Amino acid sequence: EIDMANLAQSLAQHAADTFELADTVLNGVVHRLE
């Protein structure tokens, strides 16, 4: 359980980082368009 908890924490952070990057890029494009 402890091993799985550590792994889930890392993978959740990785997924959040990925969509955080997407959000940042999209904000820049939306700003230019508007």
PDB file of all heavy atoms in Angstrom:
ATOM      1  N   GLU A   1       0.826  -1.204   0.000  1.00  0.00           N
ATOM      2  CA  GLU A   1       0.000   0.000   0.000  1.00  0.00           C
ATOM      3  C   GLU A   1       0.861   1.255   0.000  1.00  0.00           C
ATOM      4  O   GLU A   1       0.582   2.222  -0.716  1.00  0.00           O
ATOM      5  CB  GLU A   1      -0.903   0.014   1.240  1.00  0.00           C
ATOM      6  CG  GLU A   1      -2.066  -0.942   1.177  1.00  0.00           C
ATOM      7  CD  GLU A   1      -2.937  -0.838   2.419  1.00  0.00           C
ATOM      8  OE1 GLU A   1      -2.846   0.176   3.132  1.00  0.00           O
ATOM      9  OE2 GLU A   1      -3.701  -1.784   2.664  1.00  0.00           O
ATOM     10  N   ILE A   2       1.921   1.231   0.807  1.00  0.00           N
ATOM     11  CA  ILE A   2       2.823   2.394   0.876  1.00  0.00           C
ATOM     12  C   ILE A   2       3.489   2.620  -0.473  1.00  0.00           C
ATOM     13  O   ILE A   2       3.591   3.758  -0.969  1.00  0.00           O
ATOM     14  CB  ILE A   2       3.858   2.194   1.990  1.00  0.00           C
ATOM     15  CG1 ILE A   2       3.159   2.170   3.359  1.00  0.00           C
ATOM     16  CG2 ILE A   2       4.916   3.296   1.958  1.00  0.00           C
ATOM     17  CD1 ILE A   2       4.072   1.790   4.499  1.00  0.00           C
ATOM     18  N   ASP A   3       3.952   1.525  -1.103  1.00  0.00           N
ATOM     19  CA  ASP A   3       4.589   1.652  -2.423  1.00  0.00           C
ATOM     20  C   ASP A   3       3.605   2.219  -3.441  1.00  0.00           C
ATOM     21  O   ASP A   3       3.948   3.102  -4.256  1.00  0.00           O
ATOM     22  CB  ASP A   3       5.088   0.288  -2.892  1.00  0.00           C
ATOM     23  CG  ASP A   3       6.242  -0.217  -2.049  1.00  0.00           C
ATOM     24  OD1 ASP A   3       6.888   0.610  -1.367  1.00  0.00           O
ATOM     25  OD2 ASP A   3       6.499  -1.432  -2.068  1.00  0.00           O
ATOM     26  N   MET A   4       2.377   1.708  -3.406  1.00  0.00           N
ATOM     27  CA  MET A   4       1.367   2.187  -4.350  1.00  0.00           C
ATOM     28  C   MET A   4       1.017   3.661  -4.083  1.00  0.00           C
ATOM     29  O   MET A   4       0.755   4.427  -5.004  1.00  0.00           O
ATOM     30  CB  MET A   4       0.100   1.323  -4.257  1.00  0.00           C
ATOM     31  CG  MET A   4       0.272  -0.101  -4.762  1.00  0.00           C
ATOM     32  SD  MET A   4       0.614  -0.185  -6.544  1.00  0.00           S
ATOM     33  CE  MET A   4       2.396  -0.370  -6.498  1.00  0.00           C
ATOM     34  N   ALA A   5       1.003   4.037  -2.796  1.00  0.00           N
ATOM     35  CA  ALA A   5       0.705   5.430  -2.456  1.00  0.00           C
ATOM     36  C   ALA A   5       1.765   6.367  -3.026  1.00  0.00           C
ATOM     37  O   ALA A   5       1.456   7.420  -3.595  1.00  0.00           O
ATOM     38  CB  ALA A   5       0.604   5.588  -0.939  1.00  0.00           C
ATOM     39  N   ASN A   6       3.024   5.977  -2.864  1.00  0.00           N
ATOM     40  CA  ASN A   6       4.114   6.805  -3.397  1.00  0.00           C
ATOM     41  C   ASN A   6       4.041   6.897  -4.920  1.00  0.00           C
ATOM     42  O   ASN A   6       4.252   7.968  -5.502  1.00  0.00           O
ATOM     43  CB  ASN A   6       5.461   6.229  -2.967  1.00  0.00           C
ATOM     44  CG  ASN A   6       5.671   6.328  -1.472  1.00  0.00           C
ATOM     45  OD1 ASN A   6       5.102   7.203  -0.820  1.00  0.00           O
ATOM     46  ND2 ASN A   6       6.468   5.441  -0.923  1.00  0.00           N
ATOM     47  N   LEU A   7       3.756   5.760  -5.554  1.00  0.00           N
ATOM     48  CA  LEU A   7       3.658   5.755  -7.011  1.00  0.00           C
ATOM     49  C   LEU A   7       2.480   6.609  -7.477  1.00  0.00           C
ATOM     50  O   LEU A   7       2.608   7.408  -8.423  1.00  0.00           O
ATOM     51  CB  LEU A   7       3.499   4.318  -7.512  1.00  0.00           C
ATOM     52  CG  LEU A   7       3.338   4.147  -9.022  1.00  0.00           C
ATOM     53  CD1 LEU A   7       4.541   4.709  -9.758  1.00  0.00           C
ATOM     54  CD2 LEU A   7       3.126   2.680  -9.381  1.00  0.00           C
ATOM     55  N   ALA A   8       1.326   6.461  -6.824  1.00  0.00           N
ATOM     56  CA  ALA A   8       0.151   7.246  -7.213  1.00  0.00           C
ATOM     57  C   ALA A   8       0.405   8.735  -7.049  1.00  0.00           C
ATOM     58  O   ALA A   8      -0.019   9.549  -7.878  1.00  0.00           O
ATOM     59  CB  ALA A   8      -1.062   6.817  -6.387  1.00  0.00           C
ATOM     60  N   GLN A   9       1.116   9.097  -5.974  1.00  0.00           N
ATOM     61  CA  GLN A   9       1.445  10.512  -5.756  1.00  0.00           C
ATOM     62  C   GLN A   9       2.284  11.050  -6.913  1.00  0.00           C
ATOM     63  O   GLN A   9       2.031  12.140  -7.438  1.00  0.00           O
ATOM     64  CB  GLN A   9       2.205  10.645  -4.431  1.00  0.00           C
ATOM     65  CG  GLN A   9       2.834  12.009  -4.185  1.00  0.00           C
ATOM     66  CD  GLN A   9       1.810  13.092  -3.963  1.00  0.00           C
ATOM     67  OE1 GLN A   9       0.702  12.807  -3.545  1.00  0.00           O
ATOM     68  NE2 GLN A   9       2.152  14.327  -4.259  1.00  0.00           N
ATOM     69  N   SER A  10       3.306  10.286  -7.314  1.00  0.00           N
ATOM     70  CA  SER A  10       4.179  10.727  -8.406  1.00  0.00           C
ATOM     71  C   SER A  10       3.419  10.828  -9.725  1.00  0.00           C
ATOM     72  O   SER A  10       3.574  11.799 -10.474  1.00  0.00           O
ATOM     73  CB  SER A  10       5.352   9.753  -8.544  1.00  0.00           C
ATOM     74  OG  SER A  10       6.104   9.707  -7.359  1.00  0.00           O
ATOM     75  N   LEU A  11       2.596   9.825 -10.012  1.00  0.00           N
ATOM     76  CA  LEU A  11       1.882   9.814 -11.288  1.00  0.00           C
ATOM     77  C   LEU A  11       0.814  10.911 -11.333  1.00  0.00           C
ATOM     78  O   LEU A  11       0.587  11.528 -12.384  1.00  0.00           O
ATOM     79  CB  LEU A  11       1.237   8.450 -11.509  1.00  0.00           C
ATOM     80  CG  LEU A  11       2.228   7.280 -11.668  1.00  0.00           C
ATOM     81  CD1 LEU A  11       1.479   5.975 -11.853  1.00  0.00           C
ATOM     82  CD2 LEU A  11       3.169   7.530 -12.840  1.00  0.00           C
ATOM     83  N   ALA A  12       0.158  11.164 -10.195  1.00  0.00           N
ATOM     84  CA  ALA A  12      -0.835  12.241 -10.158  1.00  0.00           C
ATOM     85  C   ALA A  12      -0.173  13.591 -10.397  1.00  0.00           C
ATOM     86  O   ALA A  12      -0.708  14.454 -11.103  1.00  0.00           O
ATOM     87  CB  ALA A  12      -1.568  12.228  -8.808  1.00  0.00           C
ATOM     88  N   GLN A  13       1.025  13.772  -9.815  1.00  0.00           N
ATOM     89  CA  GLN A  13       1.747  15.020 -10.023  1.00  0.00           C
ATOM     90  C   GLN A  13       2.161  15.168 -11.491  1.00  0.00           C
ATOM     91  O   GLN A  13       2.095  16.259 -12.064  1.00  0.00           O
ATOM     92  CB  GLN A  13       2.981  15.060  -9.120  1.00  0.00           C
ATOM     93  CG  GLN A  13       3.755  16.367  -9.157  1.00  0.00           C
ATOM     94  CD  GLN A  13       2.913  17.535  -8.693  1.00  0.00           C
ATOM     95  OE1 GLN A  13       2.304  17.462  -7.632  1.00  0.00           O
ATOM     96  NE2 GLN A  13       2.870  18.605  -9.471  1.00  0.00           N
ATOM     97  N   HIS A  14       2.585  14.040 -12.084  1.00  0.00           N
ATOM     98  CA  HIS A  14       2.988  14.077 -13.495  1.00  0.00           C
ATOM     99  C   HIS A  14       1.810  14.458 -14.388  1.00  0.00           C
ATOM    100  O   HIS A  14       1.937  15.300 -15.299  1.00  0.00           O
ATOM    101  CB  HIS A  14       3.539  12.705 -13.898  1.00  0.00           C
ATOM    102  CG  HIS A  14       3.800  12.577 -15.361  1.00  0.00           C
ATOM    103  ND1 HIS A  14       2.875  12.046 -16.236  1.00  0.00           N
ATOM    104  CD2 HIS A  14       4.876  12.929 -16.115  1.00  0.00           C
ATOM    105  CE1 HIS A  14       3.366  12.063 -17.460  1.00  0.00           C
ATOM    106  NE2 HIS A  14       4.578  12.591 -17.424  1.00  0.00           N
ATOM    107  N   ALA A  15       0.642  13.860 -14.126  1.00  0.00           N
ATOM    108  CA  ALA A  15      -0.543  14.172 -14.929  1.00  0.00           C
ATOM    109  C   ALA A  15      -0.947  15.629 -14.751  1.00  0.00           C
ATOM    110  O   ALA A  15      -1.278  16.333 -15.720  1.00  0.00           O
ATOM    111  CB  ALA A  15      -1.692  13.247 -14.547  1.00  0.00           C
ATOM    112  N   ALA A  16      -0.897  16.094 -13.479  1.00  0.00           N
ATOM    113  CA  ALA A  16      -1.261  17.491 -13.219  1.00  0.00           C
ATOM    114  C   ALA A  16      -0.295  18.443 -13.922  1.00  0.00           C
ATOM    115  O   ALA A  16      -0.700  19.471 -14.480  1.00  0.00           O
ATOM    116  CB  ALA A  16      -1.273  17.752 -11.712  1.00  0.00           C
ATOM    117  N   ASP A  17       1.008  18.091 -13.896  1.00  0.00           N
ATOM    118  CA  ASP A  17       1.994  18.938 -14.575  1.00  0.00           C
ATOM    119  C   ASP A  17       1.721  19.007 -16.079  1.00  0.00           C
ATOM    120  O   ASP A  17       1.893  20.056 -16.721  1.00  0.00           O
ATOM    121  CB  ASP A  17       3.399  18.391 -14.325  1.00  0.00           C
ATOM    122  CG  ASP A  17       3.835  18.560 -12.885  1.00  0.00           C
ATOM    123  OD1 ASP A  17       3.185  19.348 -12.163  1.00  0.00           O
ATOM    124  OD2 ASP A  17       4.820  17.918 -12.484  1.00  0.00           O
ATOM    125  N   THR A  18       1.316  17.861 -16.640  1.00  0.00           N
ATOM    126  CA  THR A  18       1.051  17.830 -18.087  1.00  0.00           C
ATOM    127  C   THR A  18      -0.091  18.767 -18.452  1.00  0.00           C
ATOM    128  O   THR A  18       0.010  19.580 -19.388  1.00  0.00           O
ATOM    129  CB  THR A  18       0.708  16.394 -18.510  1.00  0.00           C
ATOM    130  OG1 THR A  18       1.831  15.544 -18.214  1.00  0.00           O
ATOM    131  CG2 THR A  18       0.413  16.332 -20.004  1.00  0.00           C
ATOM    132  N   PHE A  19      -1.201  18.700 -17.710  1.00  0.00           N
ATOM    133  CA  PHE A  19      -2.348  19.536 -18.044  1.00  0.00           C
ATOM    134  C   PHE A  19      -2.143  20.979 -17.569  1.00  0.00           C
ATOM    135  O   PHE A  19      -2.775  21.899 -18.104  1.00  0.00           O
ATOM    136  CB  PHE A  19      -3.625  18.930 -17.464  1.00  0.00           C
ATOM    137  CG  PHE A  19      -4.053  17.695 -18.206  1.00  0.00           C
ATOM    138  CD1 PHE A  19      -3.796  16.434 -17.694  1.00  0.00           C
ATOM    139  CD2 PHE A  19      -4.661  17.790 -19.454  1.00  0.00           C
ATOM    140  CE1 PHE A  19      -4.170  15.297 -18.384  1.00  0.00           C
ATOM    141  CE2 PHE A  19      -5.043  16.658 -20.144  1.00  0.00           C
ATOM    142  CZ  PHE A  19      -4.788  15.405 -19.624  1.00  0.00           C
ATOM    143  N   GLU A  20      -1.264  21.177 -16.595  1.00  0.00           N
ATOM    144  CA  GLU A  20      -0.887  22.538 -16.210  1.00  0.00           C
ATOM    145  C   GLU A  20      -0.150  23.220 -17.364  1.00  0.00           C
ATOM    146  O   GLU A  20      -0.358  24.404 -17.662  1.00  0.00           O
ATOM    147  CB  GLU A  20      -0.003  22.499 -14.964  1.00  0.00           C
ATOM    148  CG  GLU A  20       0.343  23.857 -14.383  1.00  0.00           C
ATOM    149  CD  GLU A  20      -0.850  24.507 -13.692  1.00  0.00           C
ATOM    150  OE1 GLU A  20      -1.662  23.786 -13.100  1.00  0.00           O
ATOM    151  OE2 GLU A  20      -0.950  25.754 -13.769  1.00  0.00           O
ATOM    152  N   LEU A  21       0.728  22.440 -18.025  1.00  0.00           N
ATOM    153  CA  LEU A  21       1.436  22.968 -19.191  1.00  0.00           C
ATOM    154  C   LEU A  21       0.451  23.297 -20.313  1.00  0.00           C
ATOM    155  O   LEU A  21       0.538  24.365 -20.950  1.00  0.00           O
ATOM    156  CB  LEU A  21       2.459  21.928 -19.669  1.00  0.00           C
ATOM    157  CG  LEU A  21       3.202  22.268 -20.959  1.00  0.00           C
ATOM    158  CD1 LEU A  21       4.032  23.540 -20.794  1.00  0.00           C
ATOM    159  CD2 LEU A  21       4.094  21.095 -21.375  1.00  0.00           C
ATOM    160  N   ALA A  22      -0.508  22.392 -20.531  1.00  0.00           N
ATOM    161  CA  ALA A  22      -1.513  22.641 -21.571  1.00  0.00           C
ATOM    162  C   ALA A  22      -2.318  23.894 -21.249  1.00  0.00           C
ATOM    163  O   ALA A  22      -2.603  24.721 -22.133  1.00  0.00           O
ATOM    164  CB  ALA A  22      -2.431  21.437 -21.705  1.00  0.00           C
ATOM    165  N   ASP A  23      -2.682  24.066 -19.986  1.00  0.00           N
ATOM    166  CA  ASP A  23      -3.464  25.231 -19.575  1.00  0.00           C
ATOM    167  C   ASP A  23      -2.685  26.527 -19.837  1.00  0.00           C
ATOM    168  O   ASP A  23      -3.237  27.531 -20.319  1.00  0.00           O
ATOM    169  CB  ASP A  23      -3.814  25.102 -18.095  1.00  0.00           C
ATOM    170  CG  ASP A  23      -4.815  26.152 -17.650  1.00  0.00           C
ATOM    171  OD1 ASP A  23      -5.681  26.538 -18.451  1.00  0.00           O
ATOM    172  OD2 ASP A  23      -4.718  26.615 -16.498  1.00  0.00           O
ATOM    173  N   THR A  24      -1.398  26.497 -19.527  1.00  0.00           N
ATOM    174  CA  THR A  24      -0.566  27.689 -19.739  1.00  0.00           C
ATOM    175  C   THR A  24      -0.487  28.055 -21.218  1.00  0.00           C
ATOM    176  O   THR A  24      -0.612  29.227 -21.605  1.00  0.00           O
ATOM    177  CB  THR A  24       0.839  27.439 -19.174  1.00  0.00           C
ATOM    178  OG1 THR A  24       0.736  27.143 -17.784  1.00  0.00           O
ATOM    179  CG2 THR A  24       1.731  28.651 -19.357  1.00  0.00           C
ATOM    180  N   VAL A  25      -0.247  27.040 -22.053  1.00  0.00           N
ATOM    181  CA  VAL A  25      -0.156  27.283 -23.499  1.00  0.00           C
ATOM    182  C   VAL A  25      -1.478  27.821 -24.036  1.00  0.00           C
ATOM    183  O   VAL A  25      -1.530  28.779 -24.818  1.00  0.00           O
ATOM    184  CB  VAL A  25       0.260  25.992 -24.224  1.00  0.00           C
ATOM    185  CG1 VAL A  25       0.183  26.192 -25.739  1.00  0.00           C
ATOM    186  CG2 VAL A  25       1.672  25.585 -23.817  1.00  0.00           C
ATOM    187  N   LEU A  26      -2.602  27.207 -23.606  1.00  0.00           N
ATOM    188  CA  LEU A  26      -3.908  27.634 -24.100  1.00  0.00           C
ATOM    189  C   LEU A  26      -4.226  29.056 -23.661  1.00  0.00           C
ATOM    190  O   LEU A  26      -4.821  29.844 -24.426  1.00  0.00           O
ATOM    191  CB  LEU A  26      -4.990  26.674 -23.596  1.00  0.00           C
ATOM    192  CG  LEU A  26      -4.942  25.250 -24.173  1.00  0.00           C
ATOM    193  CD1 LEU A  26      -6.028  24.391 -23.556  1.00  0.00           C
ATOM    194  CD2 LEU A  26      -5.092  25.271 -25.692  1.00  0.00           C
ATOM    195  N   ASN A  27      -3.849  29.425 -22.449  1.00  0.00           N
ATOM    196  CA  ASN A  27      -4.089  30.794 -21.970  1.00  0.00           C
ATOM    197  C   ASN A  27      -3.386  31.818 -22.878  1.00  0.00           C
ATOM    198  O   ASN A  27      -3.919  32.891 -23.184  1.00  0.00           O
ATOM    199  CB  ASN A  27      -3.601  30.943 -20.530  1.00  0.00           C
ATOM    200  CG  ASN A  27      -4.577  30.326 -19.546  1.00  0.00           C
ATOM    201  OD1 ASN A  27      -5.761  30.198 -19.833  1.00  0.00           O
ATOM    202  ND2 ASN A  27      -4.067  29.926 -18.380  1.00  0.00           N
ATOM    203  N   GLY A  28      -2.142  31.476 -23.269  1.00  0.00           N
ATOM    204  CA  GLY A  28      -1.399  32.384 -24.146  1.00  0.00           C
ATOM    205  C   GLY A  28      -2.078  32.568 -25.488  1.00  0.00           C
ATOM    206  O   GLY A  28      -2.167  33.696 -26.024  1.00  0.00           O
ATOM    207  N   VAL A  29      -2.565  31.474 -26.065  1.00  0.00           N
ATOM    208  CA  VAL A  29      -3.219  31.562 -27.379  1.00  0.00           C
ATOM    209  C   VAL A  29      -4.544  32.308 -27.267  1.00  0.00           C
ATOM    210  O   VAL A  29      -4.880  33.159 -28.111  1.00  0.00           O
ATOM    211  CB  VAL A  29      -3.429  30.158 -27.962  1.00  0.00           C
ATOM    212  CG1 VAL A  29      -4.192  30.233 -29.287  1.00  0.00           C
ATOM    213  CG2 VAL A  29      -2.082  29.469 -28.178  1.00  0.00           C
ATOM    214  N   VAL A  30      -5.325  32.002 -26.206  1.00  0.00           N
ATOM    215  CA  VAL A  30      -6.611  32.679 -26.017  1.00  0.00           C
ATOM    216  C   VAL A  30      -6.400  34.182 -25.874  1.00  0.00           C
ATOM    217  O   VAL A  30      -7.137  35.009 -26.439  1.00  0.00           O
ATOM    218  CB  VAL A  30      -7.338  32.096 -24.785  1.00  0.00           C
ATOM    219  CG1 VAL A  30      -8.519  32.997 -24.392  1.00  0.00           C
ATOM    220  CG2 VAL A  30      -7.819  30.694 -25.077  1.00  0.00           C
ATOM    221  N   HIS A  31      -5.384  34.556 -25.133  1.00  0.00           N
ATOM    222  CA  HIS A  31      -5.098  35.980 -24.942  1.00  0.00           C
ATOM    223  C   HIS A  31      -4.812  36.667 -26.283  1.00  0.00           C
ATOM    224  O   HIS A  31      -5.330  37.772 -26.569  1.00  0.00           O
ATOM    225  CB  HIS A  31      -3.911  36.137 -23.991  1.00  0.00           C
ATOM    226  CG  HIS A  31      -3.502  37.575 -23.793  1.00  0.00           C
ATOM    227  ND1 HIS A  31      -4.229  38.468 -23.026  1.00  0.00           N
ATOM    228  CD2 HIS A  31      -2.435  38.284 -24.291  1.00  0.00           C
ATOM    229  CE1 HIS A  31      -3.638  39.650 -23.031  1.00  0.00           C
ATOM    230  NE2 HIS A  31      -2.544  39.561 -23.790  1.00  0.00           N
ATOM    231  N   ARG A  32      -4.002  36.046 -27.144  1.00  0.00           N
ATOM    232  CA  ARG A  32      -3.665  36.632 -28.442  1.00  0.00           C
ATOM    233  C   ARG A  32      -4.921  36.764 -29.309  1.00  0.00           C
ATOM    234  O   ARG A  32      -5.127  37.771 -29.995  1.00  0.00           O
ATOM    235  CB  ARG A  32      -2.611  35.792 -29.160  1.00  0.00           C
ATOM    236  CG  ARG A  32      -1.252  35.815 -28.470  1.00  0.00           C
ATOM    237  CD  ARG A  32      -0.248  34.968 -29.261  1.00  0.00           C
ATOM    238  NE  ARG A  32       0.053  35.554 -30.555  1.00  0.00           N
ATOM    239  CZ  ARG A  32       1.084  36.356 -30.791  1.00  0.00           C
ATOM    240  NH1 ARG A  32       1.908  36.682 -29.814  1.00  0.00           N
ATOM    241  NH2 ARG A  32       1.287  36.849 -31.995  1.00  0.00           N
ATOM    242  N   LEU A  33      -5.751  35.730 -29.263  1.00  0.00           N
ATOM    243  CA  LEU A  33      -6.945  35.760 -30.087  1.00  0.00           C
ATOM    244  C   LEU A  33      -7.907  36.861 -29.638  1.00  0.00           C
ATOM    245  O   LEU A  33      -8.517  37.561 -30.451  1.00  0.00           O
ATOM    246  CB  LEU A  33      -7.647  34.401 -30.049  1.00  0.00           C
ATOM    247  CG  LEU A  33      -6.968  33.294 -30.848  1.00  0.00           C
ATOM    248  CD1 LEU A  33      -7.544  31.944 -30.483  1.00  0.00           C
ATOM    249  CD2 LEU A  33      -7.152  33.544 -32.360  1.00  0.00           C
ATOM    250  N   GLU A  34      -8.086  37.002 -28.340  1.00  0.00           N
ATOM    251  CA  GLU A  34      -9.034  37.990 -27.842  1.00  0.00           C
ATOM    252  C   GLU A  34      -8.497  39.421 -27.979  1.00  0.00           C
ATOM    253  O   GLU A  34      -9.254  40.380 -28.020  1.00  0.00           O
ATOM    254  CB  GLU A  34      -9.392  37.683 -26.393  1.00  0.00           C
ATOM    255  CG  GLU A  34     -10.209  36.393 -26.267  1.00  0.00           C
ATOM    256  CD  GLU A  34     -10.664  36.136 -24.842  1.00  0.00           C
ATOM    257  OE1 GLU A  34     -10.096  36.760 -23.916  1.00  0.00           O
ATOM    258  OE2 GLU A  34     -11.587  35.319 -24.655  1.00  0.00           O
TER     259      GLU A  34
END
